[in-house]
Protein backbone atom coordinates (compact mmCIF):
# COMPACT_ATOMS: atom_id res chain seq x y z
CA MET A 1 83.75 63.85 127.96
CA ILE A 2 85.31 62.93 124.62
CA ILE A 3 82.39 64.56 122.77
CA VAL A 4 82.77 67.78 124.76
CA PHE A 5 86.50 67.75 124.07
CA TRP A 6 86.03 67.45 120.30
CA ILE A 7 83.30 70.08 120.23
CA SER A 8 85.61 72.45 122.12
CA LEU A 9 88.56 71.69 119.87
CA CYS A 10 86.47 72.11 116.70
CA ILE A 11 85.12 75.48 117.82
CA VAL A 12 88.64 76.67 118.66
CA PHE A 13 89.93 75.50 115.27
CA TYR A 14 86.96 77.07 113.47
CA THR A 15 87.41 80.41 115.25
CA PHE A 16 91.05 80.88 114.30
CA PHE A 17 91.47 78.84 111.12
CA GLY A 18 88.30 77.09 109.99
CA TYR A 19 86.36 80.28 109.36
CA GLY A 20 89.12 81.58 107.11
CA ILE A 21 89.13 78.34 105.11
CA LEU A 22 85.32 78.28 104.81
CA LEU A 23 85.23 81.98 103.98
CA LEU A 24 87.73 81.57 101.15
CA PHE A 25 85.67 78.68 99.76
CA LEU A 26 82.46 80.73 99.88
CA VAL A 27 84.17 83.69 98.21
CA LYS A 28 85.46 81.45 95.39
CA LEU A 29 81.97 79.98 95.03
CA ARG A 30 80.37 83.41 94.86
CA MET A 31 82.89 84.61 92.29
CA LEU A 32 82.22 81.50 90.20
CA PHE A 33 78.53 82.35 89.90
CA LYS A 34 78.48 86.15 90.20
CA GLY A 35 82.01 87.23 89.36
CA LYS A 36 84.32 89.43 91.41
CA ARG A 37 82.79 92.53 92.96
CA THR A 38 83.62 95.66 90.98
CA ILE A 39 83.71 99.33 91.90
CA PRO A 40 81.34 101.49 89.82
CA ASP A 41 83.03 104.31 87.91
CA ASN A 42 82.26 107.67 89.50
CA GLY A 43 83.13 109.53 86.30
CA GLY A 44 85.52 111.79 88.19
CA ASP A 45 82.68 113.12 90.34
CA TRP A 46 84.36 112.85 93.73
CA PRO A 47 82.09 113.24 96.79
CA ALA A 48 82.81 115.99 99.30
CA VAL A 49 84.79 114.58 102.22
CA THR A 50 85.57 115.70 105.75
CA LEU A 51 88.52 114.09 107.50
CA ILE A 52 88.27 114.03 111.31
CA VAL A 53 91.24 113.46 113.61
CA ALA A 54 90.62 113.15 117.34
CA ALA A 55 93.90 113.87 119.14
CA PHE A 56 94.69 113.77 122.84
CA ASN A 57 98.15 114.97 123.92
CA GLU A 58 99.81 114.08 120.63
CA GLU A 59 102.42 116.84 120.48
CA ASP A 60 105.10 114.32 119.49
CA PHE A 61 103.18 113.24 116.38
CA ILE A 62 100.69 115.96 115.51
CA VAL A 63 102.84 118.09 113.17
CA GLU A 64 103.87 115.02 111.19
CA LYS A 65 100.21 113.93 111.11
CA ILE A 66 99.11 117.33 109.82
CA LYS A 67 101.73 117.31 107.07
CA ASN A 68 100.71 113.79 106.09
CA THR A 69 97.05 114.85 106.01
CA LEU A 70 97.60 117.95 103.88
CA GLU A 71 99.67 115.95 101.38
CA LEU A 72 96.84 113.49 100.63
CA ASN A 73 95.66 113.40 97.02
CA TYR A 74 92.10 114.69 96.70
CA PRO A 75 90.44 117.61 94.88
CA PRO A 76 91.19 120.57 97.20
CA ASP A 77 87.71 122.01 96.86
CA ARG A 78 86.13 118.68 97.90
CA VAL A 79 87.94 118.03 101.17
CA SER A 80 87.81 119.59 104.65
CA TYR A 81 89.79 118.82 107.80
CA ILE A 82 88.72 118.88 111.45
CA PHE A 83 91.10 118.17 114.32
CA VAL A 84 89.50 117.76 117.77
CA THR A 85 91.91 118.10 120.68
CA ASP A 86 89.54 118.00 123.66
CA GLY A 87 91.26 117.52 127.01
CA SER A 88 94.78 117.98 125.64
CA ASP A 89 96.93 119.91 128.08
CA ASP A 90 100.16 119.82 126.08
CA HIS A 91 101.06 121.78 122.91
CA THR A 92 98.76 119.80 120.60
CA PRO A 93 96.00 122.48 120.23
CA GLY A 94 98.55 125.25 119.64
CA LEU A 95 100.38 123.24 117.00
CA VAL A 96 97.14 122.50 115.13
CA ALA A 97 96.13 126.16 115.33
CA GLY A 98 99.19 127.04 113.25
CA TYR A 99 97.57 125.51 110.15
CA PRO A 100 94.66 127.64 108.84
CA GLN A 101 93.59 124.89 106.40
CA ILE A 102 92.47 122.84 109.41
CA LYS A 103 89.47 123.56 111.61
CA LEU A 104 90.57 123.22 115.24
CA MET A 105 87.99 122.21 117.85
CA HIS A 106 89.21 122.27 121.43
CA ARG A 107 87.72 122.09 124.88
CA ALA A 108 89.60 121.89 128.15
CA GLU A 109 87.40 119.07 129.46
CA ARG A 110 88.33 115.49 128.64
CA ASN A 111 85.18 113.49 127.98
CA GLY A 112 86.61 110.73 125.83
CA LYS A 113 87.07 110.13 122.12
CA ILE A 114 83.44 109.43 121.29
CA ALA A 115 82.34 112.73 122.84
CA ALA A 116 84.92 114.51 120.67
CA VAL A 117 83.71 112.68 117.58
CA HIS A 118 80.06 113.54 118.32
CA ARG A 119 80.99 117.20 118.61
CA ALA A 120 82.94 117.17 115.38
CA LEU A 121 80.16 115.45 113.43
CA LYS A 122 77.86 118.39 114.16
CA GLU A 123 80.19 120.54 112.07
CA VAL A 124 80.31 118.17 109.09
CA ASN A 125 78.27 119.08 106.01
CA THR A 126 79.88 116.75 103.47
CA ALA A 127 78.50 113.48 102.11
CA ILE A 128 81.40 111.41 103.43
CA THR A 129 83.20 111.50 106.77
CA VAL A 130 86.60 109.89 107.20
CA PHE A 131 88.04 109.06 110.63
CA THR A 132 91.71 108.45 111.33
CA ASP A 133 93.89 108.35 114.44
CA ALA A 134 96.45 111.02 115.27
CA ASN A 135 99.38 108.61 115.50
CA THR A 136 98.81 106.87 112.15
CA PHE A 137 99.95 107.96 108.71
CA LEU A 138 97.97 107.44 105.51
CA ASN A 139 99.15 106.62 102.01
CA LYS A 140 98.70 109.52 99.55
CA ASP A 141 95.78 108.01 97.63
CA ALA A 142 93.88 106.84 100.72
CA LEU A 143 90.98 109.29 100.32
CA LEU A 144 90.65 108.61 96.60
CA ASN A 145 90.61 104.86 97.13
CA ILE A 146 88.04 105.15 99.91
CA SER A 147 85.71 107.62 98.19
CA ARG A 148 85.38 105.71 94.92
CA HIS A 149 83.35 103.01 96.68
CA TYR A 150 80.52 105.41 97.49
CA SER A 151 79.36 105.44 93.89
CA ASP A 152 77.77 102.11 94.92
CA SER A 153 74.56 102.96 96.78
CA SER A 154 74.72 99.71 98.81
CA VAL A 155 77.95 100.85 100.51
CA GLY A 156 77.44 102.63 103.82
CA ALA A 157 80.99 102.54 105.17
CA VAL A 158 84.51 101.82 103.97
CA SER A 159 87.25 100.43 106.19
CA GLY A 160 90.88 101.02 105.36
CA GLU A 161 93.74 98.68 106.20
CA LYS A 162 95.77 98.91 109.37
CA ARG A 163 99.47 98.22 108.89
CA VAL A 164 101.76 97.73 111.86
CA HIS A 165 105.39 98.71 111.39
CA VAL A 166 107.59 96.20 113.17
CA ALA A 167 111.16 97.22 114.00
CA ASP A 168 113.91 95.14 112.44
CA GLN A 169 115.20 93.97 115.79
CA GLY A 170 111.71 92.78 116.71
CA ASP A 171 110.23 91.59 119.96
CA VAL A 172 107.08 89.75 120.91
CA THR A 173 104.95 92.64 119.62
CA ALA A 174 105.96 91.42 116.17
CA GLY A 175 103.08 89.03 116.74
CA GLU A 176 100.83 92.06 116.40
CA GLY A 177 102.08 92.59 112.85
CA PHE A 178 101.48 88.93 111.96
CA TYR A 179 98.01 89.07 113.51
CA TRP A 180 97.05 92.13 111.47
CA LYS A 181 98.25 90.58 108.22
CA TYR A 182 96.01 87.59 108.84
CA GLU A 183 93.16 89.82 109.99
CA SER A 184 93.50 91.95 106.86
CA LYS A 185 93.15 88.88 104.66
CA LEU A 186 89.98 87.85 106.49
CA LYS A 187 88.57 91.36 106.05
CA ALA A 188 89.25 91.26 102.32
CA TRP A 189 87.36 87.97 102.03
CA ASP A 190 84.56 89.22 104.30
CA SER A 191 84.14 92.24 102.05
CA GLU A 192 84.11 90.13 98.90
CA LEU A 193 81.49 87.77 100.32
CA TYR A 194 79.24 90.53 101.72
CA SER A 195 80.52 92.93 104.38
CA VAL A 196 83.33 93.58 106.82
CA VAL A 197 82.11 93.10 110.39
CA GLY A 198 83.31 96.29 112.00
CA ALA A 199 85.81 98.97 111.08
CA ALA A 200 89.03 99.88 112.89
CA GLY A 201 89.49 103.45 114.07
CA GLU A 202 92.91 103.83 112.45
CA LEU A 203 91.12 104.56 109.16
CA PHE A 204 87.46 104.22 108.22
CA SER A 205 84.73 106.27 106.63
CA ILE A 206 80.93 106.48 106.56
CA ARG A 207 78.12 108.13 104.65
CA THR A 208 77.56 111.07 106.95
CA GLU A 209 73.77 110.80 106.74
CA LEU A 210 73.94 107.26 108.16
CA TYR A 211 75.80 108.26 111.33
CA GLU A 212 74.03 107.20 114.52
CA PRO A 213 75.42 108.62 117.77
CA VAL A 214 76.39 105.89 120.21
CA SER A 215 76.25 106.05 124.00
CA ALA A 216 78.88 108.11 125.77
CA ASP A 217 80.09 105.01 127.61
CA THR A 218 80.83 103.13 124.37
CA ILE A 219 84.32 101.61 124.47
CA LEU A 220 84.74 100.65 120.79
CA ASP A 221 83.07 103.60 119.11
CA ASP A 222 84.47 102.86 115.63
CA PHE A 223 83.22 99.27 115.78
CA MET A 224 79.75 100.30 116.97
CA ILE A 225 79.36 103.18 114.50
CA SER A 226 80.19 100.98 111.53
CA LEU A 227 78.08 98.00 112.59
CA LEU A 228 75.05 100.17 113.27
CA ILE A 229 75.28 101.10 109.59
CA ALA A 230 75.60 97.43 108.59
CA LYS A 231 72.58 96.67 110.76
CA ARG A 232 70.53 98.98 108.53
CA GLY A 233 71.35 96.87 105.48
CA TYR A 234 74.38 98.69 104.10
CA ARG A 235 77.68 97.00 103.33
CA ILE A 236 80.99 97.85 104.96
CA VAL A 237 83.65 97.55 102.26
CA TYR A 238 87.30 96.80 102.90
CA GLU A 239 89.81 98.85 100.87
CA PRO A 240 93.41 97.61 101.31
CA MET A 241 94.75 100.37 99.04
CA ALA A 242 93.77 102.92 101.68
CA TYR A 243 95.98 102.16 104.63
CA ALA A 244 97.07 103.64 107.93
CA THR A 245 100.53 102.78 109.20
CA GLU A 246 101.46 102.88 112.86
CA SER A 247 104.25 101.56 115.04
CA GLY A 248 103.77 98.47 117.16
CA SER A 249 103.06 98.79 120.86
CA ALA A 250 106.00 100.02 122.92
CA ASN A 251 106.12 96.73 124.78
CA ILE A 252 103.98 93.72 125.60
CA LYS A 253 102.50 95.47 128.65
CA GLU A 254 101.13 98.25 126.45
CA GLU A 255 99.84 95.74 123.90
CA LEU A 256 98.12 93.74 126.64
CA LYS A 257 96.48 96.90 128.00
CA ARG A 258 95.15 97.70 124.54
CA LYS A 259 93.90 94.15 123.95
CA ILE A 260 92.06 94.04 127.28
CA ARG A 261 90.31 97.29 126.46
CA ILE A 262 89.31 95.96 123.02
CA ALA A 263 88.00 92.75 124.59
CA ALA A 264 85.95 94.70 127.13
CA GLY A 265 84.57 96.80 124.29
CA GLY A 266 83.90 93.66 122.29
CA ILE A 267 81.67 92.08 124.92
CA GLN A 268 79.91 95.43 125.41
CA SER A 269 79.25 95.66 121.66
CA ILE A 270 77.91 92.10 121.50
CA MET A 271 75.46 92.88 124.27
CA ARG A 272 74.30 96.03 122.46
CA LEU A 273 74.11 94.58 118.95
CA GLY A 274 71.84 91.65 119.64
CA ALA A 275 69.92 92.15 116.39
CA LEU A 276 73.00 91.14 114.40
CA LEU A 277 72.77 87.66 115.92
CA ASN A 278 69.32 87.17 114.42
CA PRO A 279 69.85 85.10 111.25
CA PHE A 280 66.41 86.10 109.97
CA HIS A 281 67.44 89.76 109.95
CA ASN A 282 70.46 89.27 107.67
CA PHE A 283 71.72 85.69 107.47
CA VAL A 284 75.09 86.35 105.80
CA LEU A 285 75.97 89.26 108.10
CA CYS A 286 74.93 87.17 111.12
CA PHE A 287 77.16 84.31 109.95
CA GLN A 288 80.14 86.63 109.44
CA TYR A 289 79.63 88.49 112.71
CA LEU A 290 79.27 85.31 114.76
CA SER A 291 82.24 83.59 113.11
CA HIS A 292 84.68 86.50 112.93
CA ARG A 293 83.89 88.42 116.11
CA VAL A 294 81.51 86.84 118.61
CA LEU A 295 83.30 83.51 119.03
CA ARG A 296 86.67 85.22 119.59
CA TRP A 297 85.26 87.59 122.18
CA THR A 298 83.14 85.11 124.14
CA ILE A 299 83.60 81.35 124.49
CA THR A 300 86.70 80.43 122.50
CA PRO A 301 89.35 81.45 125.11
CA PHE A 302 87.50 79.39 127.73
CA LEU A 303 87.26 76.43 125.35
CA LEU A 304 91.05 76.52 124.92
CA VAL A 305 91.42 75.87 128.64
CA LEU A 306 88.64 73.27 128.66
CA ALA A 307 90.17 71.39 125.71
CA PHE A 308 93.55 71.28 127.46
CA ILE A 309 92.10 69.92 130.70
CA LEU A 310 89.84 67.37 129.01
CA ASN A 311 92.67 66.20 126.74
CA CYS A 312 94.82 65.55 129.81
CA ILE A 313 92.07 63.58 131.56
CA ILE A 314 91.22 61.55 128.45
CA ALA A 315 94.88 60.72 127.79
CA LEU A 316 95.33 59.52 131.39
CA GLN A 317 92.13 57.47 131.42
CA THR A 318 92.33 55.85 127.99
CA ARG A 319 96.11 55.56 127.62
CA SER A 320 95.45 56.16 123.93
CA SER A 321 98.61 57.12 122.06
CA PHE A 322 96.53 59.39 119.82
CA TYR A 323 95.26 61.48 122.73
CA GLU A 324 98.69 61.40 124.37
CA VAL A 325 100.33 62.80 121.23
CA LEU A 326 97.56 65.41 120.91
CA PHE A 327 98.10 66.45 124.50
CA GLY A 328 101.85 66.55 123.90
CA PHE A 329 101.36 69.05 121.07
CA GLN A 330 99.25 71.23 123.36
CA VAL A 331 101.87 71.09 126.10
CA LEU A 332 104.59 71.98 123.58
CA PHE A 333 102.61 74.95 122.27
CA TYR A 334 101.88 76.40 125.70
CA ALA A 335 105.43 75.68 126.87
CA SER A 336 106.66 77.68 123.87
CA ALA A 337 104.37 80.54 124.86
CA MET A 338 105.61 80.37 128.46
CA LEU A 339 109.23 80.30 127.32
CA GLY A 340 108.51 83.30 125.09
CA TRP A 341 107.14 85.14 128.13
CA VAL A 342 110.19 84.31 130.24
CA LEU A 343 112.65 85.32 127.54
CA GLU A 344 110.74 88.51 126.80
CA ARG A 345 111.01 89.55 130.44
CA ARG A 346 114.76 89.02 130.13
CA GLN A 347 114.83 90.91 126.83
CA VAL A 348 115.96 87.86 124.86
CA ARG A 349 114.47 87.85 121.34
CA VAL A 350 113.47 84.49 119.82
CA LYS A 351 111.13 85.15 116.90
CA ALA A 352 109.88 81.55 116.75
CA LEU A 353 108.21 82.11 120.11
CA PHE A 354 106.48 85.38 119.21
CA ILE A 355 103.36 83.78 117.70
CA PRO A 356 102.48 81.30 120.50
CA TYR A 357 103.20 83.98 123.10
CA TYR A 358 101.07 86.59 121.31
CA PHE A 359 98.27 84.06 120.72
CA CYS A 360 98.08 83.18 124.41
CA MET A 361 98.34 86.80 125.46
CA MET A 362 95.52 87.72 123.09
CA ASN A 363 93.21 85.06 124.53
CA TYR A 364 94.13 85.95 128.10
CA ALA A 365 93.22 89.55 127.25
CA VAL A 366 89.74 88.43 126.19
CA VAL A 367 89.12 86.76 129.56
CA ALA A 368 90.54 89.77 131.41
CA GLY A 369 88.46 92.13 129.26
CA ILE A 370 85.23 90.26 129.96
CA CYS A 371 85.95 90.31 133.69
CA ARG A 372 86.80 94.00 133.59
CA TYR A 373 83.63 94.89 131.69
CA LEU A 374 81.36 92.81 133.93
CA SER A 375 82.94 94.38 137.01
CA GLY A 376 82.26 97.86 135.60
CA LYS A 377 85.93 98.86 135.80
CA GLN A 378 86.48 99.56 132.09
CA SER A 379 86.18 103.27 131.34
CA ALA A 380 85.13 104.53 127.93
CA VAL A 381 87.48 107.50 128.30
CA TRP A 382 90.24 107.41 125.75
CA GLU A 383 93.21 105.28 126.82
CA LYS A 384 96.26 106.02 124.69
CA SER A 385 98.73 103.16 124.35
CA LYS A 386 102.42 103.94 124.11
CA ARG A 387 103.92 103.20 120.72
CA LYS A 388 107.49 102.71 119.57
């Protein structure tokens, strides 16, 4: 029992903290022997780029998104824009149509984001394709900072940084901002060691020729598209100087809905990307994928529960002060999360409780997402979360 407890605790620690520590050590070791990765100079020869925005009923944001897009720094003769508004029954298509610089693609049927992306890719004839969400806003040099990486032939995709704007007054969704800061640091180290393990749809790009259509029922299309490229031996680079900013979720209910969908998509992706778990195919990528993604989306949330139960039993049986103190810390952490939940429901803001609450919510979402996927209740059709 004690052995199982320590194995569970070690895996939990490794998943959320240990991998980051080990990753930083490996990055420092690599830099010691090989130096820091550099970006080859493209000599001012910028590749032709097409920026694709898939928008569903985004009339509140679409004009601002268009203006942000058209203000991006990039040689005008080397960039094209496609906005796909399939299924939108508000003013989104009409608003996009008012900008002749943008190619509008619209169908009345709503078949999901990936179907819209597939359709748009058939119209792309540039070397690089950039994807970004309709409710995010890019920094002016985003395209320049992304495109410069493609002068390295080993790079198949480039992932930008997601930044979450947290309101000054804050609420528990501030945990989302903290989570993404930590996640961004891990991605930077992943990229320096070898490759990012999956790109986020807020902002990422690919070599167009490497695009592989994924199944229509794919939940995390951005994740699958990028990792299929990594599977072929290309690196996914992380570029923090190309970033997409969006508001936090409108409330914890919306954030939970989004997290459950991501978790369901995560387990689906793991089942479809079995080759990435073969260490003989690409050992470093396998190590990164298993450590950064697979553990979070599979066993770790269950091990949190197991470690709590076993710690309680061991403390009662052994009367060891060490195990009693350890159990006390666990009780304190989960009590803080519970108190955060209670106060949030009463609209009382205590920032110290945001992190334990968000952490527990995130792990609950993984369990709920696995159950939803296995029950066949998770649809791949685009689910838009409400933002602030």
